Amino acid sequence: MSIATLLAQYHSVARTWHGRPLETVQFFGPRRGADAMGSTSDKAAGLADQAAGNVKQAVGKAIGNERLQVEGAVQEAKGKVQKAVGDMKAVAKDVTDTAAAAINKKL
């Protein structure tokens, strides 16, 4: 086998991934499955906790129950944190997807 033949075979193999041309292969991309909706579910749960906490605080204030007011404030704070986690997951996903698209574009 000549060197030219070997080089030709190497280049044809090196430019493929499992038999597909590298130009058509997407190595990085959007996540699928359980993580795909993680930020949305965190945001929804956070907003629900905030609403429930506000209701507890209002009811506690109306009936003079200080314990219920405190529980409501804690639940509202928990909701704010959970919503912030969801927002951060969404930002991280956007950054990851943008980087993956840039990498795929260069390949």
PDB file of N, CA and C in Angstrom:
ATOM      1  N   MET A   1       0.848  -1.176   0.000  1.00  0.00           N
ATOM      2  CA  MET A   1       0.000   0.000   0.000  1.00  0.00           C
ATOM      3  C   MET A   1       0.893   1.238   0.000  1.00  0.00           C
ATOM      4  N   SER A   2       0.560   2.171  -0.831  1.00  0.00           N
ATOM      5  CA  SER A   2       1.384   3.369  -0.924  1.00  0.00           C
ATOM      6  C   SER A   2       1.022   4.359   0.188  1.00  0.00           C
ATOM      7  N   ILE A   3       1.916   5.285   0.422  1.00  0.00           N
ATOM      8  CA  ILE A   3       1.679   6.326   1.429  1.00  0.00           C
ATOM      9  C   ILE A   3       0.489   7.181   1.029  1.00  0.00           C
ATOM     10  N   ALA A   4       0.346   7.453  -0.240  1.00  0.00           N
ATOM     11  CA  ALA A   4      -0.789   8.260  -0.704  1.00  0.00           C
ATOM     12  C   ALA A   4      -2.114   7.565  -0.405  1.00  0.00           C
ATOM     13  N   THR A   5      -2.165   6.261  -0.582  1.00  0.00           N
ATOM     14  CA  THR A   5      -3.384   5.496  -0.293  1.00  0.00           C
ATOM     15  C   THR A   5      -3.687   5.517   1.204  1.00  0.00           C
ATOM     16  N   LEU A   6      -2.636   5.332   2.011  1.00  0.00           N
ATOM     17  CA  LEU A   6      -2.822   5.370   3.466  1.00  0.00           C
ATOM     18  C   LEU A   6      -3.324   6.744   3.922  1.00  0.00           C
ATOM     19  N   LEU A   7      -2.738   7.800   3.382  1.00  0.00           N
ATOM     20  CA  LEU A   7      -3.181   9.152   3.741  1.00  0.00           C
ATOM     21  C   LEU A   7      -4.627   9.397   3.310  1.00  0.00           C
ATOM     22  N   ALA A   8      -4.989   8.935   2.160  1.00  0.00           N
ATOM     23  CA  ALA A   8      -6.364   9.097   1.686  1.00  0.00           C
ATOM     24  C   ALA A   8      -7.337   8.369   2.602  1.00  0.00           C
ATOM     25  N   GLN A   9      -6.986   7.144   3.024  1.00  0.00           N
ATOM     26  CA  GLN A   9      -7.844   6.389   3.939  1.00  0.00           C
ATOM     27  C   GLN A   9      -7.920   7.085   5.297  1.00  0.00           C
ATOM     28  N   TYR A  10      -6.778   7.596   5.784  1.00  0.00           N
ATOM     29  CA  TYR A  10      -6.767   8.285   7.071  1.00  0.00           C
ATOM     30  C   TYR A  10      -7.683   9.498   7.029  1.00  0.00           C
ATOM     31  N   HIS A  11      -7.576  10.299   5.989  1.00  0.00           N
ATOM     32  CA  HIS A  11      -8.398  11.505   5.901  1.00  0.00           C
ATOM     33  C   HIS A  11      -9.879  11.174   5.789  1.00  0.00           C
ATOM     34  N   SER A  12     -10.218  10.103   5.095  1.00  0.00           N
ATOM     35  CA  SER A  12     -11.632   9.747   4.990  1.00  0.00           C
ATOM     36  C   SER A  12     -12.165   9.248   6.330  1.00  0.00           C
ATOM     37  N   VAL A  13     -11.330   8.542   7.107  1.00  0.00           N
ATOM     38  CA  VAL A  13     -11.749   8.058   8.421  1.00  0.00           C
ATOM     39  C   VAL A  13     -11.724   9.193   9.443  1.00  0.00           C
ATOM     40  N   ALA A  14     -10.716  10.041   9.395  1.00  0.00           N
ATOM     41  CA  ALA A  14     -10.567  11.122  10.365  1.00  0.00           C
ATOM     42  C   ALA A  14     -11.677  12.161  10.241  1.00  0.00           C
ATOM     43  N   ARG A  15     -12.291  12.282   9.077  1.00  0.00           N
ATOM     44  CA  ARG A  15     -13.346  13.281   8.876  1.00  0.00           C
ATOM     45  C   ARG A  15     -14.735  12.704   9.125  1.00  0.00           C
ATOM     46  N   THR A  16     -14.814  11.528   9.794  1.00  0.00           N
ATOM     47  CA  THR A  16     -16.126  10.932  10.077  1.00  0.00           C
ATOM     48  C   THR A  16     -16.248  10.586  11.546  1.00  0.00           C
ATOM     49  N   TRP A  17     -17.475  10.433  11.979  1.00  0.00           N
ATOM     50  CA  TRP A  17     -17.769   9.992  13.337  1.00  0.00           C
ATOM     51  C   TRP A  17     -18.811   8.898  13.214  1.00  0.00           C
ATOM     52  N   HIS A  18     -18.414   7.675  13.483  1.00  0.00           N
ATOM     53  CA  HIS A  18     -19.279   6.503  13.323  1.00  0.00           C
ATOM     54  C   HIS A  18     -19.890   6.455  11.921  1.00  0.00           C
ATOM     55  N   GLY A  19     -19.058   6.744  10.931  1.00  0.00           N
ATOM     56  CA  GLY A  19     -19.489   6.662   9.550  1.00  0.00           C
ATOM     57  C   GLY A  19     -20.208   7.899   9.017  1.00  0.00           C
ATOM     58  N   ARG A  20     -20.456   8.880   9.873  1.00  0.00           N
ATOM     59  CA  ARG A  20     -21.135  10.107   9.428  1.00  0.00           C
ATOM     60  C   ARG A  20     -20.109  11.221   9.271  1.00  0.00           C
ATOM     61  N   PRO A  21     -20.248  12.063   8.245  1.00  0.00           N
ATOM     62  CA  PRO A  21     -19.315  13.188   8.088  1.00  0.00           C
ATOM     63  C   PRO A  21     -19.360  14.104   9.308  1.00  0.00           C
ATOM     64  N   LEU A  22     -18.187  14.577   9.738  1.00  0.00           N
ATOM     65  CA  LEU A  22     -18.118  15.431  10.928  1.00  0.00           C
ATOM     66  C   LEU A  22     -19.001  16.665  10.810  1.00  0.00           C
ATOM     67  N   GLU A  23     -19.184  17.182   9.613  1.00  0.00           N
ATOM     68  CA  GLU A  23     -19.984  18.384   9.420  1.00  0.00           C
ATOM     69  C   GLU A  23     -21.446  18.174   9.818  1.00  0.00           C
ATOM     70  N   THR A  24     -21.894  16.915   9.830  1.00  0.00           N
ATOM     71  CA  THR A  24     -23.299  16.633  10.140  1.00  0.00           C
ATOM     72  C   THR A  24     -23.509  16.157  11.577  1.00  0.00           C
ATOM     73  N   VAL A  25     -22.422  15.986  12.330  1.00  0.00           N
ATOM     74  CA  VAL A  25     -22.526  15.458  13.691  1.00  0.00           C
ATOM     75  C   VAL A  25     -22.621  16.607  14.674  1.00  0.00           C
ATOM     76  N   GLN A  26     -23.596  16.517  15.596  1.00  0.00           N
ATOM     77  CA  GLN A  26     -23.719  17.524  16.651  1.00  0.00           C
ATOM     78  C   GLN A  26     -23.218  16.887  17.942  1.00  0.00           C
ATOM     79  N   PHE A  27     -22.030  17.327  18.388  1.00  0.00           N
ATOM     80  CA  PHE A  27     -21.420  16.731  19.564  1.00  0.00           C
ATOM     81  C   PHE A  27     -22.019  17.258  20.857  1.00  0.00           C
ATOM     82  N   PHE A  28     -22.399  18.512  20.865  1.00  0.00           N
ATOM     83  CA  PHE A  28     -22.972  19.121  22.058  1.00  0.00           C
ATOM     84  C   PHE A  28     -24.316  19.698  21.660  1.00  0.00           C
ATOM     85  N   GLY A  29     -25.236  19.765  22.607  1.00  0.00           N
ATOM     86  CA  GLY A  29     -26.528  20.336  22.250  1.00  0.00           C
ATOM     87  C   GLY A  29     -27.444  20.441  23.451  1.00  0.00           C
ATOM     88  N   PRO A  30     -28.687  20.796  23.203  1.00  0.00           N
ATOM     89  CA  PRO A  30     -29.641  20.956  24.293  1.00  0.00           C
ATOM     90  C   PRO A  30     -29.836  19.654  25.055  1.00  0.00           C
ATOM     91  N   ARG A  31     -29.973  19.782  26.333  1.00  0.00           N
ATOM     92  CA  ARG A  31     -30.221  18.607  27.163  1.00  0.00           C
ATOM     93  C   ARG A  31     -31.658  18.161  26.990  1.00  0.00           C
ATOM     94  N   ARG A  32     -31.859  16.869  27.146  1.00  0.00           N
ATOM     95  CA  ARG A  32     -33.208  16.334  27.056  1.00  0.00           C
ATOM     96  C   ARG A  32     -33.488  15.536  28.312  1.00  0.00           C
ATOM     97  N   GLY A  33     -34.750  15.272  28.580  1.00  0.00           N
ATOM     98  CA  GLY A  33     -35.117  14.427  29.705  1.00  0.00           C
ATOM     99  C   GLY A  33     -35.500  15.242  30.925  1.00  0.00           C
ATOM    100  N   ALA A  34     -35.139  14.724  32.092  1.00  0.00           N
ATOM    101  CA  ALA A  34     -35.588  15.313  33.359  1.00  0.00           C
ATOM    102  C   ALA A  34     -35.075  16.735  33.558  1.00  0.00           C
ATOM    103  N   ASP A  35     -33.860  17.035  33.081  1.00  0.00           N
ATOM    104  CA  ASP A  35     -33.297  18.363  33.292  1.00  0.00           C
ATOM    105  C   ASP A  35     -33.883  19.428  32.370  1.00  0.00           C
ATOM    106  N   ALA A  36     -34.543  18.997  31.319  1.00  0.00           N
ATOM    107  CA  ALA A  36     -35.025  19.956  30.334  1.00  0.00           C
ATOM    108  C   ALA A  36     -36.030  20.938  30.922  1.00  0.00           C
ATOM    109  N   MET A  37     -36.865  20.491  31.843  1.00  0.00           N
ATOM    110  CA  MET A  37     -37.877  21.362  32.423  1.00  0.00           C
ATOM    111  C   MET A  37     -37.541  21.729  33.870  1.00  0.00           C
ATOM    112  N   GLY A  38     -36.335  21.486  34.296  1.00  0.00           N
ATOM    113  CA  GLY A  38     -35.954  21.751  35.678  1.00  0.00           C
ATOM    114  C   GLY A  38     -36.157  23.190  36.100  1.00  0.00           C
ATOM    115  N   SER A  39     -35.756  24.123  35.260  1.00  0.00           N
ATOM    116  CA  SER A  39     -35.876  25.526  35.644  1.00  0.00           C
ATOM    117  C   SER A  39     -37.340  25.943  35.711  1.00  0.00           C
ATOM    118  N   THR A  40     -38.152  25.448  34.801  1.00  0.00           N
ATOM    119  CA  THR A  40     -39.570  25.814  34.791  1.00  0.00           C
ATOM    120  C   THR A  40     -40.279  25.274  36.023  1.00  0.00           C
ATOM    121  N   SER A  41     -40.008  24.031  36.384  1.00  0.00           N
ATOM    122  CA  SER A  41     -40.667  23.457  37.563  1.00  0.00           C
ATOM    123  C   SER A  41     -40.205  24.148  38.844  1.00  0.00           C
ATOM    124  N   ASP A  42     -38.918  24.526  38.901  1.00  0.00           N
ATOM    125  CA  ASP A  42     -38.431  25.264  40.069  1.00  0.00           C
ATOM    126  C   ASP A  42     -39.111  26.630  40.173  1.00  0.00           C
ATOM    127  N   LYS A  43     -39.247  27.307  39.043  1.00  0.00           N
ATOM    128  CA  LYS A  43     -39.906  28.618  39.053  1.00  0.00           C
ATOM    129  C   LYS A  43     -41.352  28.491  39.490  1.00  0.00           C
ATOM    130  N   ALA A  44     -42.055  27.480  38.965  1.00  0.00           N
ATOM    131  CA  ALA A  44     -43.470  27.292  39.311  1.00  0.00           C
ATOM    132  C   ALA A  44     -43.638  26.950  40.788  1.00  0.00           C
ATOM    133  N   ALA A  45     -42.803  26.049  41.283  1.00  0.00           N
ATOM    134  CA  ALA A  45     -42.881  25.679  42.698  1.00  0.00           C
ATOM    135  C   ALA A  45     -42.543  26.872  43.587  1.00  0.00           C
ATOM    136  N   GLY A  46     -41.578  27.661  43.167  1.00  0.00           N
ATOM    137  CA  GLY A  46     -41.201  28.847  43.938  1.00  0.00           C
ATOM    138  C   GLY A  46     -42.326  29.858  44.002  1.00  0.00           C
ATOM    139  N   LEU A  47     -42.972  30.086  42.859  1.00  0.00           N
ATOM    140  CA  LEU A  47     -44.100  31.019  42.855  1.00  0.00           C
ATOM    141  C   LEU A  47     -45.257  30.500  43.696  1.00  0.00           C
ATOM    142  N   ALA A  48     -45.493  29.193  43.665  1.00  0.00           N
ATOM    143  CA  ALA A  48     -46.559  28.599  44.483  1.00  0.00           C
ATOM    144  C   ALA A  48     -46.254  28.767  45.969  1.00  0.00           C
ATOM    145  N   ASP A  49     -45.006  28.536  46.356  1.00  0.00           N
ATOM    146  CA  ASP A  49     -44.619  28.722  47.767  1.00  0.00           C
ATOM    147  C   ASP A  49     -44.755  30.184  48.184  1.00  0.00           C
ATOM    148  N   GLN A  50     -44.385  31.096  47.306  1.00  0.00           N
ATOM    149  CA  GLN A  50     -44.531  32.518  47.627  1.00  0.00           C
ATOM    150  C   GLN A  50     -46.001  32.871  47.853  1.00  0.00           C
ATOM    151  N   ALA A  51     -46.867  32.388  46.977  1.00  0.00           N
ATOM    152  CA  ALA A  51     -48.304  32.680  47.104  1.00  0.00           C
ATOM    153  C   ALA A  51     -48.865  32.080  48.383  1.00  0.00           C
ATOM    154  N   ALA A  52     -48.508  30.821  48.663  1.00  0.00           N
ATOM    155  CA  ALA A  52     -49.001  30.174  49.888  1.00  0.00           C
ATOM    156  C   ALA A  52     -48.483  30.907  51.126  1.00  0.00           C
ATOM    157  N   GLY A  53     -47.236  31.340  51.075  1.00  0.00           N
ATOM    158  CA  GLY A  53     -46.667  32.081  52.200  1.00  0.00           C
ATOM    159  C   GLY A  53     -47.386  33.403  52.426  1.00  0.00           C
ATOM    160  N   ASN A  54     -47.720  34.089  51.336  1.00  0.00           N
ATOM    161  CA  ASN A  54     -48.468  35.347  51.467  1.00  0.00           C
ATOM    162  C   ASN A  54     -49.837  35.121  52.084  1.00  0.00           C
ATOM    163  N   VAL A  55     -50.497  34.048  51.662  1.00  0.00           N
ATOM    164  CA  VAL A  55     -51.824  33.732  52.221  1.00  0.00           C
ATOM    165  C   VAL A  55     -51.708  33.425  53.705  1.00  0.00           C
ATOM    166  N   LYS A  56     -50.735  32.606  54.072  1.00  0.00           N
ATOM    167  CA  LYS A  56     -50.542  32.272  55.495  1.00  0.00           C
ATOM    168  C   LYS A  56     -50.298  33.535  56.327  1.00  0.00           C
ATOM    169  N   GLN A  57     -49.472  34.431  55.790  1.00  0.00           N
ATOM    170  CA  GLN A  57     -49.191  35.670  56.521  1.00  0.00           C
ATOM    171  C   GLN A  57     -50.456  36.500  56.696  1.00  0.00           C
ATOM    172  N   ALA A  58     -51.245  36.604  55.643  1.00  0.00           N
ATOM    173  CA  ALA A  58     -52.474  37.401  55.715  1.00  0.00           C
ATOM    174  C   ALA A  58     -53.467  36.800  56.687  1.00  0.00           C
ATOM    175  N   VAL A  59     -53.619  35.484  56.641  1.00  0.00           N
ATOM    176  CA  VAL A  59     -54.548  34.812  57.562  1.00  0.00           C
ATOM    177  C   VAL A  59     -54.035  34.950  58.993  1.00  0.00           C
ATOM    178  N   GLY A  60     -52.748  34.740  59.190  1.00  0.00           N
ATOM    179  CA  GLY A  60     -52.173  34.871  60.529  1.00  0.00           C
ATOM    180  C   GLY A  60     -52.362  36.268  61.093  1.00  0.00           C
ATOM    181  N   LYS A  61     -52.190  37.267  60.239  1.00  0.00           N
ATOM    182  CA  LYS A  61     -52.382  38.653  60.678  1.00  0.00           C
ATOM    183  C   LYS A  61     -53.851  38.923  60.995  1.00  0.00           C
ATOM    184  N   ALA A  62     -54.754  38.381  60.170  1.00  0.00           N
ATOM    185  CA  ALA A  62     -56.189  38.614  60.360  1.00  0.00           C
ATOM    186  C   ALA A  62     -56.707  37.990  61.650  1.00  0.00           C
ATOM    187  N   ILE A  63     -56.190  36.809  62.007  1.00  0.00           N
ATOM    188  CA  ILE A  63     -56.682  36.136  63.216  1.00  0.00           C
ATOM    189  C   ILE A  63     -55.768  36.347  64.417  1.00  0.00           C
ATOM    190  N   GLY A  64     -54.684  37.074  64.198  1.00  0.00           N
ATOM    191  CA  GLY A  64     -53.774  37.367  65.309  1.00  0.00           C
ATOM    192  C   GLY A  64     -52.879  36.199  65.684  1.00  0.00           C
ATOM    193  N   ASN A  65     -52.586  35.338  64.749  1.00  0.00           N
ATOM    194  CA  ASN A  65     -51.746  34.164  65.005  1.00  0.00           C
ATOM    195  C   ASN A  65     -50.327  34.460  64.515  1.00  0.00           C
ATOM    196  N   GLU A  66     -49.457  34.760  65.462  1.00  0.00           N
ATOM    197  CA  GLU A  66     -48.086  35.131  65.117  1.00  0.00           C
ATOM    198  C   GLU A  66     -47.308  33.970  64.504  1.00  0.00           C
ATOM    199  N   ARG A  67     -47.571  32.770  64.988  1.00  0.00           N
ATOM    200  CA  ARG A  67     -46.882  31.579  64.467  1.00  0.00           C
ATOM    201  C   ARG A  67     -47.192  31.392  62.975  1.00  0.00           C
ATOM    202  N   LEU A  68     -48.444  31.563  62.594  1.00  0.00           N
ATOM    203  CA  LEU A  68     -48.848  31.423  61.201  1.00  0.00           C
ATOM    204  C   LEU A  68     -48.208  32.503  60.324  1.00  0.00           C
ATOM    205  N   GLN A  69     -48.075  33.699  60.890  1.00  0.00           N
ATOM    206  CA  GLN A  69     -47.410  34.778  60.158  1.00  0.00           C
ATOM    207  C   GLN A  69     -45.950  34.431  59.877  1.00  0.00           C
ATOM    208  N   VAL A  70     -45.267  33.877  60.866  1.00  0.00           N
ATOM    209  CA  VAL A  70     -43.858  33.502  60.716  1.00  0.00           C
ATOM    210  C   VAL A  70     -43.720  32.351  59.712  1.00  0.00           C
ATOM    211  N   GLU A  71     -44.604  31.350  59.819  1.00  0.00           N
ATOM    212  CA  GLU A  71     -44.572  30.244  58.865  1.00  0.00           C
ATOM    213  C   GLU A  71     -44.763  30.763  57.434  1.00  0.00           C
ATOM    214  N   GLY A  72     -45.663  31.712  57.280  1.00  0.00           N
ATOM    215  CA  GLY A  72     -45.897  32.302  55.964  1.00  0.00           C
ATOM    216  C   GLY A  72     -44.682  33.039  55.447  1.00  0.00           C
ATOM    217  N   ALA A  73     -44.020  33.773  56.318  1.00  0.00           N
ATOM    218  CA  ALA A  73     -42.816  34.503  55.907  1.00  0.00           C
ATOM    219  C   ALA A  73     -41.705  33.538  55.497  1.00  0.00           C
ATOM    220  N   VAL A  74     -41.570  32.446  56.255  1.00  0.00           N
ATOM    221  CA  VAL A  74     -40.552  31.443  55.933  1.00  0.00           C
ATOM    222  C   VAL A  74     -40.874  30.777  54.593  1.00  0.00           C
ATOM    223  N   GLN A  75     -42.149  30.430  54.390  1.00  0.00           N
ATOM    224  CA  GLN A  75     -42.531  29.780  53.140  1.00  0.00           C
ATOM    225  C   GLN A  75     -42.358  30.723  51.946  1.00  0.00           C
ATOM    226  N   GLU A  76     -42.663  31.997  52.161  1.00  0.00           N
ATOM    227  CA  GLU A  76     -42.465  32.978  51.091  1.00  0.00           C
ATOM    228  C   GLU A  76     -40.984  33.104  50.739  1.00  0.00           C
ATOM    229  N   ALA A  77     -40.121  33.146  51.752  1.00  0.00           N
ATOM    230  CA  ALA A  77     -38.673  33.230  51.514  1.00  0.00           C
ATOM    231  C   ALA A  77     -38.169  31.986  50.787  1.00  0.00           C
ATOM    232  N   LYS A  78     -38.681  30.824  51.193  1.00  0.00           N
ATOM    233  CA  LYS A  78     -38.311  29.577  50.521  1.00  0.00           C
ATOM    234  C   LYS A  78     -38.711  29.637  49.047  1.00  0.00           C
ATOM    235  N   GLY A  79     -39.886  30.158  48.782  1.00  0.00           N
ATOM    236  CA  GLY A  79     -40.347  30.289  47.405  1.00  0.00           C
ATOM    237  C   GLY A  79     -39.468  31.217  46.585  1.00  0.00           C
ATOM    238  N   LYS A  80     -39.038  32.312  47.184  1.00  0.00           N
ATOM    239  CA  LYS A  80     -38.166  33.254  46.478  1.00  0.00           C
ATOM    240  C   LYS A  80     -36.834  32.594  46.119  1.00  0.00           C
ATOM    241  N   VAL A  81     -36.296  31.813  47.056  1.00  0.00           N
ATOM    242  CA  VAL A  81     -35.030  31.117  46.802  1.00  0.00           C
ATOM    243  C   VAL A  81     -35.213  30.083  45.698  1.00  0.00           C
ATOM    244  N   GLN A  82     -36.307  29.316  45.769  1.00  0.00           N
ATOM    245  CA  GLN A  82     -36.536  28.286  44.763  1.00  0.00           C
ATOM    246  C   GLN A  82     -36.732  28.897  43.374  1.00  0.00           C
ATOM    247  N   LYS A  83     -37.426  30.015  43.298  1.00  0.00           N
ATOM    248  CA  LYS A  83     -37.609  30.700  42.017  1.00  0.00           C
ATOM    249  C   LYS A  83     -36.263  31.202  41.494  1.00  0.00           C
ATOM    250  N   ALA A  84     -35.426  31.734  42.392  1.00  0.00           N
ATOM    251  CA  ALA A  84     -34.094  32.202  41.982  1.00  0.00           C
ATOM    252  C   ALA A  84     -33.251  31.048  41.444  1.00  0.00           C
ATOM    253  N   VAL A  85     -33.374  29.861  42.071  1.00  0.00           N
ATOM    254  CA  VAL A  85     -32.657  28.679  41.577  1.00  0.00           C
ATOM    255  C   VAL A  85     -33.134  28.345  40.165  1.00  0.00           C
ATOM    256  N   GLY A  86     -34.442  28.402  39.950  1.00  0.00           N
ATOM    257  CA  GLY A  86     -34.980  28.149  38.618  1.00  0.00           C
ATOM    258  C   GLY A  86     -34.480  29.155  37.603  1.00  0.00           C
ATOM    259  N   ASP A  87     -34.417  30.430  38.002  1.00  0.00           N
ATOM    260  CA  ASP A  87     -33.893  31.467  37.103  1.00  0.00           C
ATOM    261  C   ASP A  87     -32.437  31.197  36.752  1.00  0.00           C
ATOM    262  N   MET A  88     -31.638  30.795  37.737  1.00  0.00           N
ATOM    263  CA  MET A  88     -30.225  30.510  37.490  1.00  0.00           C
ATOM    264  C   MET A  88     -30.048  29.284  36.601  1.00  0.00           C
ATOM    265  N   LYS A  89     -30.901  28.268  36.784  1.00  0.00           N
ATOM    266  CA  LYS A  89     -30.835  27.099  35.910  1.00  0.00           C
ATOM    267  C   LYS A  89     -31.132  27.496  34.468  1.00  0.00           C
ATOM    268  N   ALA A  90     -32.101  28.374  34.290  1.00  0.00           N
ATOM    269  CA  ALA A  90     -32.450  28.822  32.938  1.00  0.00           C
ATOM    270  C   ALA A  90     -31.287  29.582  32.304  1.00  0.00           C
ATOM    271  N   VAL A  91     -30.638  30.438  33.089  1.00  0.00           N
ATOM    272  CA  VAL A  91     -29.486  31.190  32.568  1.00  0.00           C
ATOM    273  C   VAL A  91     -28.349  30.236  32.213  1.00  0.00           C
ATOM    274  N   ALA A  92     -28.075  29.276  33.102  1.00  0.00           N
ATOM    275  CA  ALA A  92     -26.998  28.313  32.847  1.00  0.00           C
ATOM    276  C   ALA A  92     -27.297  27.490  31.596  1.00  0.00           C
ATOM    277  N   LYS A  93     -28.540  27.087  31.423  1.00  0.00           N
ATOM    278  CA  LYS A  93     -28.923  26.319  30.241  1.00  0.00           C
ATOM    279  C   LYS A  93     -28.752  27.153  28.976  1.00  0.00           C
ATOM    280  N   ASP A  94     -29.147  28.422  29.031  1.00  0.00           N
ATOM    281  CA  ASP A  94     -28.989  29.294  27.866  1.00  0.00           C
ATOM    282  C   ASP A  94     -27.523  29.468  27.492  1.00  0.00           C
ATOM    283  N   VAL A  95     -26.672  29.662  28.504  1.00  0.00           N
ATOM    284  CA  VAL A  95     -25.237  29.828  28.256  1.00  0.00           C
ATOM    285  C   VAL A  95     -24.657  28.541  27.667  1.00  0.00           C
ATOM    286  N   THR A  96     -25.034  27.405  28.231  1.00  0.00           N
ATOM    287  CA  THR A  96     -24.540  26.113  27.744  1.00  0.00           C
ATOM    288  C   THR A  96     -24.983  25.862  26.309  1.00  0.00           C
ATOM    289  N   ASP A  97     -26.262  26.135  26.029  1.00  0.00           N
ATOM    290  CA  ASP A  97     -26.772  25.926  24.672  1.00  0.00           C
ATOM    291  C   ASP A  97     -26.088  26.844  23.667  1.00  0.00           C
ATOM    292  N   THR A  98     -25.825  28.089  24.063  1.00  0.00           N
ATOM    293  CA  THR A  98     -25.145  29.032  23.170  1.00  0.00           C
ATOM    294  C   THR A  98     -23.710  28.571  22.894  1.00  0.00           C
ATOM    295  N   ALA A  99     -23.022  28.105  23.938  1.00  0.00           N
ATOM    296  CA  ALA A  99     -21.650  27.611  23.763  1.00  0.00           C
ATOM    297  C   ALA A  99     -21.647  26.367  22.890  1.00  0.00           C
ATOM    298  N   ALA A 100     -22.605  25.470  23.116  1.00  0.00           N
ATOM    299  CA  ALA A 100     -22.687  24.244  22.310  1.00  0.00           C
ATOM    300  C   ALA A 100     -22.950  24.576  20.846  1.00  0.00           C
ATOM    301  N   ALA A 101     -23.827  25.537  20.613  1.00  0.00           N
ATOM    302  CA  ALA A 101     -24.114  25.926  19.225  1.00  0.00           C
ATOM    303  C   ALA A 101     -22.875  26.513  18.561  1.00  0.00           C
ATOM    304  N   ALA A 102     -22.100  27.301  19.298  1.00  0.00           N
ATOM    305  CA  ALA A 102     -20.877  27.879  18.744  1.00  0.00           C
ATOM    306  C   ALA A 102     -19.855  26.783  18.423  1.00  0.00           C
ATOM    307  N   ILE A 103     -19.734  25.814  19.324  1.00  0.00           N
ATOM    308  CA  ILE A 103     -18.787  24.705  19.104  1.00  0.00           C
ATOM    309  C   ILE A 103     -19.224  23.892  17.886  1.00  0.00           C
ATOM    310  N   ASN A 104     -20.516  23.575  17.824  1.00  0.00           N
ATOM    311  CA  ASN A 104     -21.025  22.801  16.693  1.00  0.00           C
ATOM    312  C   ASN A 104     -20.856  23.532  15.374  1.00  0.00           C
ATOM    313  N   LYS A 105     -20.988  24.842  15.419  1.00  0.00           N
ATOM    314  CA  LYS A 105     -20.851  25.648  14.199  1.00  0.00           C
ATOM    315  C   LYS A 105     -19.410  25.580  13.686  1.00  0.00           C
ATOM    316  N   LYS A 106     -18.438  25.554  14.625  1.00  0.00           N
ATOM    317  CA  LYS A 106     -17.035  25.515  14.221  1.00  0.00           C
ATOM    318  C   LYS A 106     -16.643  24.135  13.704  1.00  0.00           C
ATOM    319  N   LEU A 107     -17.359  23.112  14.135  1.00  0.00           N
ATOM    320  CA  LEU A 107     -17.022  21.770  13.668  1.00  0.00           C
ATOM    321  C   LEU A 107     -17.598  21.614  12.295  1.00  0.00           C
TER     322      LEU A 107
END
